[in-house]
Amino acid sequence: LIISLIMLVILTVLGLSAMRSTSLEETMAGNMRSENVAFQSAEAGLRGGEAWLATRVSKPIPNSSGSSGVWLLDAPDADANNTQPWWRERDTTWWSGNATVFSSDSSEYLEFKPGEDLSEQPRYVIEERGVVKDTLNVGQQQDMIGLDYYQVTARGLDMTERSEVLVRSTFARRY
């Protein structure tokens, strides 16, 4: 009877340990899925911003409010003297009020659905980085011909808003 009780205690401890390990692994898998959903959302926003730039017939004029769809470089930064980049300083309220919403008509980029997998549509901000002139045209009438460079920053959230992912790309375009 004593040996049976000792074996029962050992089996109980092993069972509790296995349950604890399984629970931890399930939490880790859930967190990984949330991070993946947020990343996919941000990536879709990034591709949406790049697609918007690619479809412009004429060059958008950047401004400090982003009302043209393109911001001046670092214009979203509230405090240019600190070392923190602006995209890390901005909260959900700022992104909701100032960033461009990834349009749902570009659903080929978005695997997950807002309301089901995402708390909101991904958003993006486009900043103009500058123009790199073609060296062949310097000093001619068309010395501003070259590649326009843009920086696209996108933000994605999962359904619970616990996972936030920010991604950036540089996009070049000739007008």
Protein backbone atom coordinates (compact mmCIF):
# COMPACT_ATOMS: atom_id res chain seq x y z
CA LEU A 1 0.00 0.00 0.00
CA ILE A 2 2.85 2.42 0.86
CA ILE A 3 4.64 1.66 -2.39
CA SER A 4 1.38 2.22 -4.31
CA LEU A 5 0.88 5.60 -2.59
CA ILE A 6 4.47 6.66 -3.39
CA MET A 7 3.98 5.63 -7.03
CA LEU A 8 0.68 7.55 -7.14
CA VAL A 9 2.39 10.71 -5.76
CA ILE A 10 5.21 10.39 -8.32
CA LEU A 11 2.71 9.95 -11.18
CA THR A 12 0.70 12.95 -9.93
CA VAL A 13 3.81 15.15 -9.84
CA LEU A 14 4.77 13.99 -13.36
CA GLY A 15 1.23 14.69 -14.61
CA LEU A 16 1.18 18.19 -13.09
CA SER A 17 4.59 18.93 -14.60
CA ALA A 18 3.41 17.80 -18.04
CA MET A 19 0.26 19.96 -17.73
CA ARG A 20 2.32 22.99 -16.77
CA SER A 21 4.69 22.47 -19.70
CA THR A 22 1.78 22.02 -22.13
CA SER A 23 0.10 25.18 -20.86
CA LEU A 24 3.31 27.17 -21.29
CA GLU A 25 3.79 25.84 -24.83
CA GLU A 26 0.19 26.75 -25.70
CA THR A 27 0.73 30.31 -24.44
CA MET A 28 3.95 30.58 -26.45
CA ALA A 29 2.18 29.35 -29.60
CA GLY A 30 -0.62 31.89 -29.07
CA ASN A 31 1.87 34.71 -28.64
CA MET A 32 3.73 33.62 -31.76
CA ARG A 33 0.47 33.62 -33.74
CA SER A 34 -0.41 37.11 -32.46
CA GLU A 35 3.02 38.38 -33.48
CA ASN A 36 2.70 36.74 -36.90
CA VAL A 37 -0.76 38.25 -37.48
CA ALA A 38 0.52 41.72 -36.50
CA PHE A 39 3.56 41.30 -38.77
CA GLN A 40 1.44 40.18 -41.72
CA SER A 41 -0.86 43.14 -41.12
CA ALA A 42 2.05 45.61 -41.06
CA GLU A 43 3.55 44.02 -44.16
CA ALA A 44 0.22 44.42 -45.97
CA GLY A 45 0.14 48.08 -44.94
CA LEU A 46 3.67 48.52 -46.23
CA ARG A 47 2.80 46.97 -49.58
CA GLY A 48 -0.35 49.11 -49.73
CA GLY A 49 1.70 52.29 -49.24
CA GLU A 50 4.16 51.23 -51.91
CA ALA A 51 1.29 50.40 -54.28
CA TRP A 52 -0.20 53.85 -53.65
CA LEU A 53 3.12 55.46 -54.61
CA ALA A 54 3.46 53.27 -57.69
CA THR A 55 0.05 54.32 -59.02
CA ARG A 56 0.65 58.10 -58.76
CA VAL A 57 0.67 59.73 -62.18
CA SER A 58 2.34 62.88 -60.90
CA LYS A 59 4.69 63.40 -58.00
CA PRO A 60 2.83 64.04 -54.71
CA ILE A 61 3.90 67.24 -52.97
CA PRO A 62 5.04 66.40 -49.42
CA ASN A 63 4.02 68.59 -46.49
CA SER A 64 4.38 68.65 -42.72
CA SER A 65 0.85 67.35 -42.10
CA GLY A 66 0.84 64.50 -44.61
CA SER A 67 -2.42 65.80 -46.11
CA SER A 68 -1.16 65.07 -49.64
CA GLY A 69 -0.46 61.47 -48.67
CA VAL A 70 3.26 62.17 -48.28
CA TRP A 71 5.01 63.75 -45.29
CA LEU A 72 8.22 65.72 -45.24
CA LEU A 73 11.06 63.60 -43.84
CA ASP A 74 10.80 63.35 -40.04
CA ALA A 75 7.80 65.73 -39.96
CA PRO A 76 5.82 63.29 -37.75
CA ASP A 77 8.52 63.63 -35.06
CA ALA A 78 7.16 65.69 -32.17
CA ASP A 79 10.59 66.22 -30.62
CA ALA A 80 13.44 66.20 -33.13
CA ASN A 81 16.00 66.68 -30.34
CA ASN A 82 15.49 63.31 -28.68
CA THR A 83 17.12 60.11 -29.87
CA GLN A 84 13.87 58.15 -30.03
CA PRO A 85 12.58 57.67 -33.61
CA TRP A 86 9.12 59.15 -34.19
CA TRP A 87 7.46 55.84 -35.08
CA ARG A 88 8.29 54.46 -31.63
CA GLU A 89 6.99 57.59 -29.85
CA ARG A 90 3.58 57.60 -31.48
CA ASP A 91 0.65 55.82 -29.84
CA THR A 92 -2.55 54.32 -31.24
CA THR A 93 -4.36 57.67 -31.11
CA TRP A 94 -1.72 59.33 -33.29
CA TRP A 95 -1.67 56.47 -35.80
CA SER A 96 -5.47 56.50 -35.98
CA GLY A 97 -5.62 60.23 -36.62
CA ASN A 98 -2.63 60.77 -38.91
CA ALA A 99 -1.64 57.61 -40.76
CA THR A 100 -3.30 56.42 -43.96
CA VAL A 101 -5.56 53.41 -43.55
CA PHE A 102 -4.69 50.46 -45.72
CA SER A 103 -7.66 50.24 -48.08
CA SER A 104 -9.70 47.07 -47.95
CA ASP A 105 -10.02 47.04 -51.76
CA SER A 106 -6.38 45.88 -51.86
CA SER A 107 -7.29 42.63 -50.16
CA GLU A 108 -4.72 40.62 -52.13
CA TYR A 109 -2.13 41.92 -49.66
CA LEU A 110 -4.15 41.15 -46.52
CA GLU A 111 -4.62 37.54 -45.47
CA PHE A 112 -6.31 38.34 -42.17
CA LYS A 113 -9.61 40.16 -41.72
CA PRO A 114 -10.22 43.18 -39.47
CA GLY A 115 -12.68 42.26 -36.76
CA GLU A 116 -11.79 38.57 -36.97
CA ASP A 117 -7.99 38.48 -36.74
CA LEU A 118 -7.11 42.20 -36.55
CA SER A 119 -8.37 44.90 -34.22
CA GLU A 120 -8.09 47.44 -37.06
CA GLN A 121 -6.84 47.85 -40.60
CA PRO A 122 -3.09 48.38 -40.96
CA ARG A 123 -1.92 51.98 -41.38
CA TYR A 124 1.04 53.54 -43.10
CA VAL A 125 2.96 56.82 -43.32
CA ILE A 126 4.96 57.85 -46.38
CA GLU A 127 7.85 60.31 -46.04
CA GLU A 128 9.82 61.81 -48.89
CA ARG A 129 13.53 61.13 -48.49
CA GLY A 130 14.70 63.13 -51.49
CA VAL A 131 15.69 62.97 -55.13
CA VAL A 132 18.85 61.44 -56.51
CA LYS A 133 19.57 63.27 -59.76
CA ASP A 134 20.66 61.51 -62.88
CA THR A 135 24.27 62.51 -63.48
CA LEU A 136 23.75 62.70 -67.22
CA ASN A 137 21.31 65.59 -66.89
CA VAL A 138 23.20 67.83 -64.44
CA GLY A 139 23.41 71.39 -65.70
CA GLN A 140 20.73 70.85 -68.30
CA GLN A 141 17.17 72.09 -68.33
CA GLN A 142 16.01 68.88 -66.70
CA ASP A 143 18.52 68.66 -63.86
CA MET A 144 15.80 67.50 -61.41
CA ILE A 145 15.20 64.30 -63.36
CA GLY A 146 16.11 61.30 -61.26
CA LEU A 147 14.75 58.87 -58.73
CA ASP A 148 12.48 60.07 -55.95
CA TYR A 149 13.03 58.13 -52.73
CA TYR A 150 10.30 57.56 -50.17
CA GLN A 151 10.29 55.92 -46.78
CA VAL A 152 7.16 53.91 -45.98
CA THR A 153 6.47 53.05 -42.32
CA ALA A 154 3.58 50.71 -41.56
CA ARG A 155 1.96 49.57 -38.31
CA GLY A 156 0.01 46.39 -37.73
CA LEU A 157 -1.87 45.08 -34.70
CA ASP A 158 -3.32 41.71 -33.83
CA MET A 159 -6.89 41.26 -32.55
CA THR A 160 -6.00 41.89 -28.91
CA GLU A 161 -3.71 44.88 -29.64
CA ARG A 162 -1.03 43.22 -27.49
CA SER A 163 1.20 42.64 -30.49
CA GLU A 164 2.25 45.71 -32.45
CA VAL A 165 4.66 45.49 -35.37
CA LEU A 166 6.28 48.40 -37.21
CA VAL A 167 8.00 47.81 -40.53
CA ARG A 168 9.76 50.19 -42.92
CA SER A 169 10.91 50.16 -46.49
CA THR A 170 12.51 52.53 -48.94
CA PHE A 171 10.71 52.94 -52.23
CA ALA A 172 12.21 54.55 -55.35
CA ARG A 173 10.13 55.97 -58.16
CA ARG A 174 10.85 57.93 -61.34
CA TYR A 175 8.20 60.44 -62.39
